[in-house]
């Protein structure tokens, strides 16, 4: 199981997923996405401020 996170507003969810996918391919790992993670309700973001969604994560599992 792999839990990976980013805390950068310069890396959006799409780019983060592409980076993790490329790393998995380089490692020869076939990963399955279990869930996407984000900040909890105690960390609200403004609708017109997408940079505030800088906390993101992926929970993955290696397929056999």
PDB file of N, CA and C in Angstrom:
ATOM      1  N   UNK A   1       0.851  -1.168   0.000  1.00  0.00           N
ATOM      2  CA  UNK A   1       0.000   0.000   0.000  1.00  0.00           C
ATOM      3  C   UNK A   1       0.897   1.231   0.000  1.00  0.00           C
ATOM      4  N   UNK A   2       0.488   2.241  -0.740  1.00  0.00           N
ATOM      5  CA  UNK A   2       1.239   3.484  -0.834  1.00  0.00           C
ATOM      6  C   UNK A   2       0.298   4.641  -0.547  1.00  0.00           C
ATOM      7  N   UNK A   3       0.688   5.477   0.376  1.00  0.00           N
ATOM      8  CA  UNK A   3       0.000   6.742   0.631  1.00  0.00           C
ATOM      9  C   UNK A   3       1.000   7.838   0.290  1.00  0.00           C
ATOM     10  N   UNK A   4       0.637   8.694  -0.654  1.00  0.00           N
ATOM     11  CA  UNK A   4       1.537   9.755  -1.084  1.00  0.00           C
ATOM     12  C   UNK A   4       0.790  11.080  -1.093  1.00  0.00           C
ATOM     13  N   UNK A   5       1.494  12.137  -0.718  1.00  0.00           N
ATOM     14  CA  UNK A   5       0.849  13.430  -0.525  1.00  0.00           C
ATOM     15  C   UNK A   5       1.676  14.557  -1.117  1.00  0.00           C
ATOM     16  N   UNK A   6       1.004  15.650  -1.440  1.00  0.00           N
ATOM     17  CA  UNK A   6       1.657  16.876  -1.875  1.00  0.00           C
ATOM     18  C   UNK A   6       1.053  18.036  -1.096  1.00  0.00           C
ATOM     19  N   UNK A   7       1.903  18.943  -0.724  1.00  0.00           N
ATOM     20  CA  UNK A   7       1.481  20.127   0.019  1.00  0.00           C
ATOM     21  C   UNK A   7       1.939  21.371  -0.741  1.00  0.00           C
ATOM     22  N   UNK A   8       1.828  21.340  -2.074  1.00  0.00           N
ATOM     23  CA  UNK A   8       2.295  22.439  -2.914  1.00  0.00           C
ATOM     24  C   UNK A   8       1.153  22.967  -3.765  1.00  0.00           C
ATOM     25  N   UNK A   9       0.942  24.268  -3.740  1.00  0.00           N
ATOM     26  CA  UNK A   9      -0.099  24.830  -4.595  1.00  0.00           C
ATOM     27  C   UNK A   9       0.362  24.930  -6.046  1.00  0.00           C
ATOM     28  N   UNK A  10       1.651  24.689  -6.312  1.00  0.00           N
ATOM     29  CA  UNK A  10       2.167  24.722  -7.676  1.00  0.00           C
ATOM     30  C   UNK A  10       1.895  23.417  -8.424  1.00  0.00           C
ATOM     31  N   UNK A  11       1.495  22.385  -7.702  1.00  0.00           N
ATOM     32  CA  UNK A  11       1.198  21.083  -8.303  1.00  0.00           C
ATOM     33  C   UNK A  11      -0.284  20.802  -8.097  1.00  0.00           C
ATOM     34  N   UNK A  12      -1.065  20.867  -9.185  1.00  0.00           N
ATOM     35  CA  UNK A  12      -2.492  20.592  -9.056  1.00  0.00           C
ATOM     36  C   UNK A  12      -2.731  19.081  -9.037  1.00  0.00           C
ATOM     37  N   UNK A  13      -3.988  18.690  -8.863  1.00  0.00           N
ATOM     38  CA  UNK A  13      -4.319  17.270  -8.730  1.00  0.00           C
ATOM     39  C   UNK A  13      -3.923  16.470  -9.971  1.00  0.00           C
ATOM     40  N   UNK A  14      -4.115  17.048 -11.145  1.00  0.00           N
ATOM     41  CA  UNK A  14      -3.777  16.348 -12.393  1.00  0.00           C
ATOM     42  C   UNK A  14      -2.278  16.111 -12.504  1.00  0.00           C
ATOM     43  N   UNK A  15      -1.494  17.142 -12.268  1.00  0.00           N
ATOM     44  CA  UNK A  15      -0.040  16.999 -12.347  1.00  0.00           C
ATOM     45  C   UNK A  15       0.465  16.031 -11.282  1.00  0.00           C
ATOM     46  N   UNK A  16      -0.085  16.106 -10.088  1.00  0.00           N
ATOM     47  CA  UNK A  16       0.317  15.198  -9.010  1.00  0.00           C
ATOM     48  C   UNK A  16       0.088  13.750  -9.420  1.00  0.00           C
ATOM     49  N   UNK A  17      -1.079  13.469  -9.996  1.00  0.00           N
ATOM     50  CA  UNK A  17      -1.384  12.104 -10.449  1.00  0.00           C
ATOM     51  C   UNK A  17      -0.422  11.653 -11.535  1.00  0.00           C
ATOM     52  N   UNK A  18      -0.086  12.545 -12.470  1.00  0.00           N
ATOM     53  CA  UNK A  18       0.853  12.208 -13.540  1.00  0.00           C
ATOM     54  C   UNK A  18       2.243  11.909 -12.985  1.00  0.00           C
ATOM     55  N   UNK A  19       2.675  12.666 -11.996  1.00  0.00           N
ATOM     56  CA  UNK A  19       3.989  12.441 -11.380  1.00  0.00           C
ATOM     57  C   UNK A  19       4.030  11.070 -10.707  1.00  0.00           C
ATOM     58  N   UNK A  20       2.995  10.748  -9.954  1.00  0.00           N
ATOM     59  CA  UNK A  20       2.943   9.458  -9.255  1.00  0.00           C
ATOM     60  C   UNK A  20       2.872   8.313 -10.260  1.00  0.00           C
ATOM     61  N   UNK A  21       2.084   8.472 -11.328  1.00  0.00           N
ATOM     62  CA  UNK A  21       1.986   7.440 -12.361  1.00  0.00           C
ATOM     63  C   UNK A  21       3.335   7.216 -13.034  1.00  0.00           C
ATOM     64  N   UNK A  22       4.037   8.286 -13.354  1.00  0.00           N
ATOM     65  CA  UNK A  22       5.351   8.153 -13.986  1.00  0.00           C
ATOM     66  C   UNK A  22       6.338   7.445 -13.059  1.00  0.00           C
ATOM     67  N   UNK A  23       6.299   7.771 -11.787  1.00  0.00           N
ATOM     68  CA  UNK A  23       7.190   7.112 -10.820  1.00  0.00           C
ATOM     69  C   UNK A  23       6.855   5.629 -10.700  1.00  0.00           C
ATOM     70  N   UNK A  24       5.568   5.301 -10.702  1.00  0.00           N
ATOM     71  CA  UNK A  24       5.155   3.891 -10.635  1.00  0.00           C
ATOM     72  C   UNK A  24       5.638   3.130 -11.859  1.00  0.00           C
ATOM     73  N   UNK A  25       5.523   3.745 -13.014  1.00  0.00           N
ATOM     74  CA  UNK A  25       5.993   3.094 -14.254  1.00  0.00           C
ATOM     75  C   UNK A  25       7.500   2.888 -14.211  1.00  0.00           C
ATOM     76  N   UNK A  26       8.234   3.902 -13.751  1.00  0.00           N
ATOM     77  CA  UNK A  26       9.692   3.778 -13.631  1.00  0.00           C
ATOM     78  C   UNK A  26      10.070   2.638 -12.695  1.00  0.00           C
ATOM     79  N   UNK A  27       9.266   2.415 -11.655  1.00  0.00           N
ATOM     80  CA  UNK A  27       9.531   1.362 -10.682  1.00  0.00           C
ATOM     81  C   UNK A  27       8.980   0.012 -11.128  1.00  0.00           C
ATOM     82  N   UNK A  28       8.257  -0.005 -12.245  1.00  0.00           N
ATOM     83  CA  UNK A  28       7.667  -1.252 -12.718  1.00  0.00           C
ATOM     84  C   UNK A  28       6.501  -1.715 -11.865  1.00  0.00           C
ATOM     85  N   UNK A  29       5.835  -0.772 -11.195  1.00  0.00           N
ATOM     86  CA  UNK A  29       4.723  -1.113 -10.308  1.00  0.00           C
ATOM     87  C   UNK A  29       3.393  -0.789 -10.989  1.00  0.00           C
ATOM     88  N   UNK A  30       2.472  -1.737 -10.927  1.00  0.00           N
ATOM     89  CA  UNK A  30       1.124  -1.533 -11.439  1.00  0.00           C
ATOM     90  C   UNK A  30       0.253  -1.183 -10.236  1.00  0.00           C
ATOM     91  N   UNK A  31      -0.154   0.087 -10.130  1.00  0.00           N
ATOM     92  CA  UNK A  31      -0.881   0.547  -8.954  1.00  0.00           C
ATOM     93  C   UNK A  31      -2.356   0.737  -9.257  1.00  0.00           C
ATOM     94  N   UNK A  32      -3.164   0.467  -8.249  1.00  0.00           N
ATOM     95  CA  UNK A  32      -4.608   0.694  -8.331  1.00  0.00           C
ATOM     96  C   UNK A  32      -4.960   1.799  -7.348  1.00  0.00           C
ATOM     97  N   UNK A  33      -5.737   2.763  -7.810  1.00  0.00           N
ATOM     98  CA  UNK A  33      -6.160   3.873  -6.964  1.00  0.00           C
ATOM     99  C   UNK A  33      -7.273   3.412  -6.028  1.00  0.00           C
ATOM    100  N   UNK A  34      -7.052   3.584  -4.734  1.00  0.00           N
ATOM    101  CA  UNK A  34      -8.094   3.271  -3.759  1.00  0.00           C
ATOM    102  C   UNK A  34      -8.944   4.501  -3.465  1.00  0.00           C
ATOM    103  N   UNK A  35      -8.282   5.644  -3.252  1.00  0.00           N
ATOM    104  CA  UNK A  35      -9.013   6.880  -2.978  1.00  0.00           C
ATOM    105  C   UNK A  35      -8.116   8.092  -3.149  1.00  0.00           C
ATOM    106  N   UNK A  36      -8.733   9.205  -3.437  1.00  0.00           N
ATOM    107  CA  UNK A  36      -8.050  10.503  -3.451  1.00  0.00           C
ATOM    108  C   UNK A  36      -8.322  11.172  -2.118  1.00  0.00           C
ATOM    109  N   UNK A  37      -7.333  11.870  -1.619  1.00  0.00           N
ATOM    110  CA  UNK A  37      -7.453  12.513  -0.317  1.00  0.00           C
ATOM    111  C   UNK A  37      -7.266  14.018  -0.460  1.00  0.00           C
ATOM    112  N   UNK A  38      -7.893  14.766   0.424  1.00  0.00           N
ATOM    113  CA  UNK A  38      -7.749  16.214   0.433  1.00  0.00           C
ATOM    114  C   UNK A  38      -7.895  16.711   1.869  1.00  0.00           C
ATOM    115  N   UNK A  39      -7.755  17.995   2.035  1.00  0.00           N
ATOM    116  CA  UNK A  39      -7.864  18.579   3.368  1.00  0.00           C
ATOM    117  C   UNK A  39      -9.242  18.303   3.957  1.00  0.00           C
ATOM    118  N   UNK A  40      -9.291  18.195   5.256  1.00  0.00           N
ATOM    119  CA  UNK A  40     -10.542  17.934   5.956  1.00  0.00           C
ATOM    120  C   UNK A  40     -11.406  19.177   6.079  1.00  0.00           C
ATOM    121  N   UNK A  41     -12.594  19.016   6.630  1.00  0.00           N
ATOM    122  CA  UNK A  41     -13.525  20.142   6.753  1.00  0.00           C
ATOM    123  C   UNK A  41     -13.015  21.257   7.672  1.00  0.00           C
ATOM    124  N   UNK A  42     -12.013  20.949   8.489  1.00  0.00           N
ATOM    125  CA  UNK A  42     -11.453  21.983   9.352  1.00  0.00           C
ATOM    126  C   UNK A  42     -10.430  22.850   8.614  1.00  0.00           C
ATOM    127  N   UNK A  43     -10.257  22.614   7.315  1.00  0.00           N
ATOM    128  CA  UNK A  43      -9.322  23.373   6.484  1.00  0.00           C
ATOM    129  C   UNK A  43     -10.059  23.838   5.230  1.00  0.00           C
ATOM    130  N   UNK A  44     -11.048  24.745   5.392  1.00  0.00           N
ATOM    131  CA  UNK A  44     -11.855  25.158   4.247  1.00  0.00           C
ATOM    132  C   UNK A  44     -11.056  25.995   3.248  1.00  0.00           C
ATOM    133  N   UNK A  45     -11.491  25.960   1.997  1.00  0.00           N
ATOM    134  CA  UNK A  45     -10.868  26.768   0.959  1.00  0.00           C
ATOM    135  C   UNK A  45     -11.927  27.659   0.314  1.00  0.00           C
ATOM    136  N   UNK A  46     -11.491  28.794  -0.181  1.00  0.00           N
ATOM    137  CA  UNK A  46     -12.400  29.707  -0.858  1.00  0.00           C
ATOM    138  C   UNK A  46     -12.660  29.216  -2.276  1.00  0.00           C
ATOM    139  N   UNK A  47     -13.889  29.281  -2.711  1.00  0.00           N
ATOM    140  CA  UNK A  47     -14.290  28.788  -4.026  1.00  0.00           C
ATOM    141  C   UNK A  47     -13.494  29.463  -5.141  1.00  0.00           C
ATOM    142  N   UNK A  48     -13.247  30.742  -5.045  1.00  0.00           N
ATOM    143  CA  UNK A  48     -12.528  31.471  -6.073  1.00  0.00           C
ATOM    144  C   UNK A  48     -11.028  31.492  -5.897  1.00  0.00           C
ATOM    145  N   UNK A  49     -10.509  30.620  -5.044  1.00  0.00           N
ATOM    146  CA  UNK A  49      -9.068  30.576  -4.755  1.00  0.00           C
ATOM    147  C   UNK A  49      -8.566  29.135  -4.865  1.00  0.00           C
ATOM    148  N   UNK A  50      -8.419  28.620  -6.103  1.00  0.00           N
ATOM    149  CA  UNK A  50      -8.027  27.216  -6.281  1.00  0.00           C
ATOM    150  C   UNK A  50      -6.664  26.890  -5.679  1.00  0.00           C
ATOM    151  N   UNK A  51      -5.794  27.882  -5.515  1.00  0.00           N
ATOM    152  CA  UNK A  51      -4.486  27.641  -4.907  1.00  0.00           C
ATOM    153  C   UNK A  51      -4.618  27.169  -3.458  1.00  0.00           C
ATOM    154  N   UNK A  52      -5.772  27.434  -2.862  1.00  0.00           N
ATOM    155  CA  UNK A  52      -6.008  26.997  -1.486  1.00  0.00           C
ATOM    156  C   UNK A  52      -6.210  25.495  -1.361  1.00  0.00           C
ATOM    157  N   UNK A  53      -6.349  24.825  -2.490  1.00  0.00           N
ATOM    158  CA  UNK A  53      -6.517  23.365  -2.483  1.00  0.00           C
ATOM    159  C   UNK A  53      -5.166  22.687  -2.656  1.00  0.00           C
ATOM    160  N   UNK A  54      -4.180  23.134  -1.904  1.00  0.00           N
ATOM    161  CA  UNK A  54      -2.813  22.625  -2.079  1.00  0.00           C
ATOM    162  C   UNK A  54      -2.577  21.291  -1.384  1.00  0.00           C
ATOM    163  N   UNK A  55      -3.413  20.909  -0.443  1.00  0.00           N
ATOM    164  CA  UNK A  55      -3.246  19.620   0.233  1.00  0.00           C
ATOM    165  C   UNK A  55      -3.957  18.541  -0.579  1.00  0.00           C
ATOM    166  N   UNK A  56      -3.201  17.546  -1.006  1.00  0.00           N
ATOM    167  CA  UNK A  56      -3.788  16.464  -1.803  1.00  0.00           C
ATOM    168  C   UNK A  56      -3.023  15.169  -1.553  1.00  0.00           C
ATOM    169  N   UNK A  57      -3.708  14.064  -1.745  1.00  0.00           N
ATOM    170  CA  UNK A  57      -3.049  12.792  -1.547  1.00  0.00           C
ATOM    171  C   UNK A  57      -3.715  11.688  -2.344  1.00  0.00           C
ATOM    172  N   UNK A  58      -2.984  10.591  -2.485  1.00  0.00           N
ATOM    173  CA  UNK A  58      -3.480   9.407  -3.166  1.00  0.00           C
ATOM    174  C   UNK A  58      -3.190   8.187  -2.287  1.00  0.00           C
ATOM    175  N   UNK A  59      -4.159   7.311  -2.188  1.00  0.00           N
ATOM    176  CA  UNK A  59      -3.986   6.035  -1.508  1.00  0.00           C
ATOM    177  C   UNK A  59      -4.050   4.979  -2.598  1.00  0.00           C
ATOM    178  N   UNK A  60      -2.950   4.241  -2.738  1.00  0.00           N
ATOM    179  CA  UNK A  60      -2.798   3.272  -3.832  1.00  0.00           C
ATOM    180  C   UNK A  60      -2.393   1.905  -3.286  1.00  0.00           C
ATOM    181  N   UNK A  61      -2.649   0.894  -4.074  1.00  0.00           N
ATOM    182  CA  UNK A  61      -2.224  -0.452  -3.701  1.00  0.00           C
ATOM    183  C   UNK A  61      -1.592  -1.091  -4.939  1.00  0.00           C
ATOM    184  N   UNK A  62      -0.555  -1.861  -4.709  1.00  0.00           N
ATOM    185  CA  UNK A  62       0.121  -2.540  -5.816  1.00  0.00           C
ATOM    186  C   UNK A  62      -0.674  -3.761  -6.225  1.00  0.00           C
ATOM    187  N   UNK A  63      -0.932  -3.859  -7.524  1.00  0.00           N
ATOM    188  CA  UNK A  63      -1.639  -5.023  -8.049  1.00  0.00           C
ATOM    189  C   UNK A  63      -0.632  -6.130  -8.301  1.00  0.00           C
ATOM    190  N   UNK A  64      -1.061  -7.346  -8.083  1.00  0.00           N
ATOM    191  CA  UNK A  64      -0.175  -8.497  -8.302  1.00  0.00           C
ATOM    192  C   UNK A  64      -0.012  -8.838  -9.752  1.00  0.00           C
TER     193      UNK A  64
END
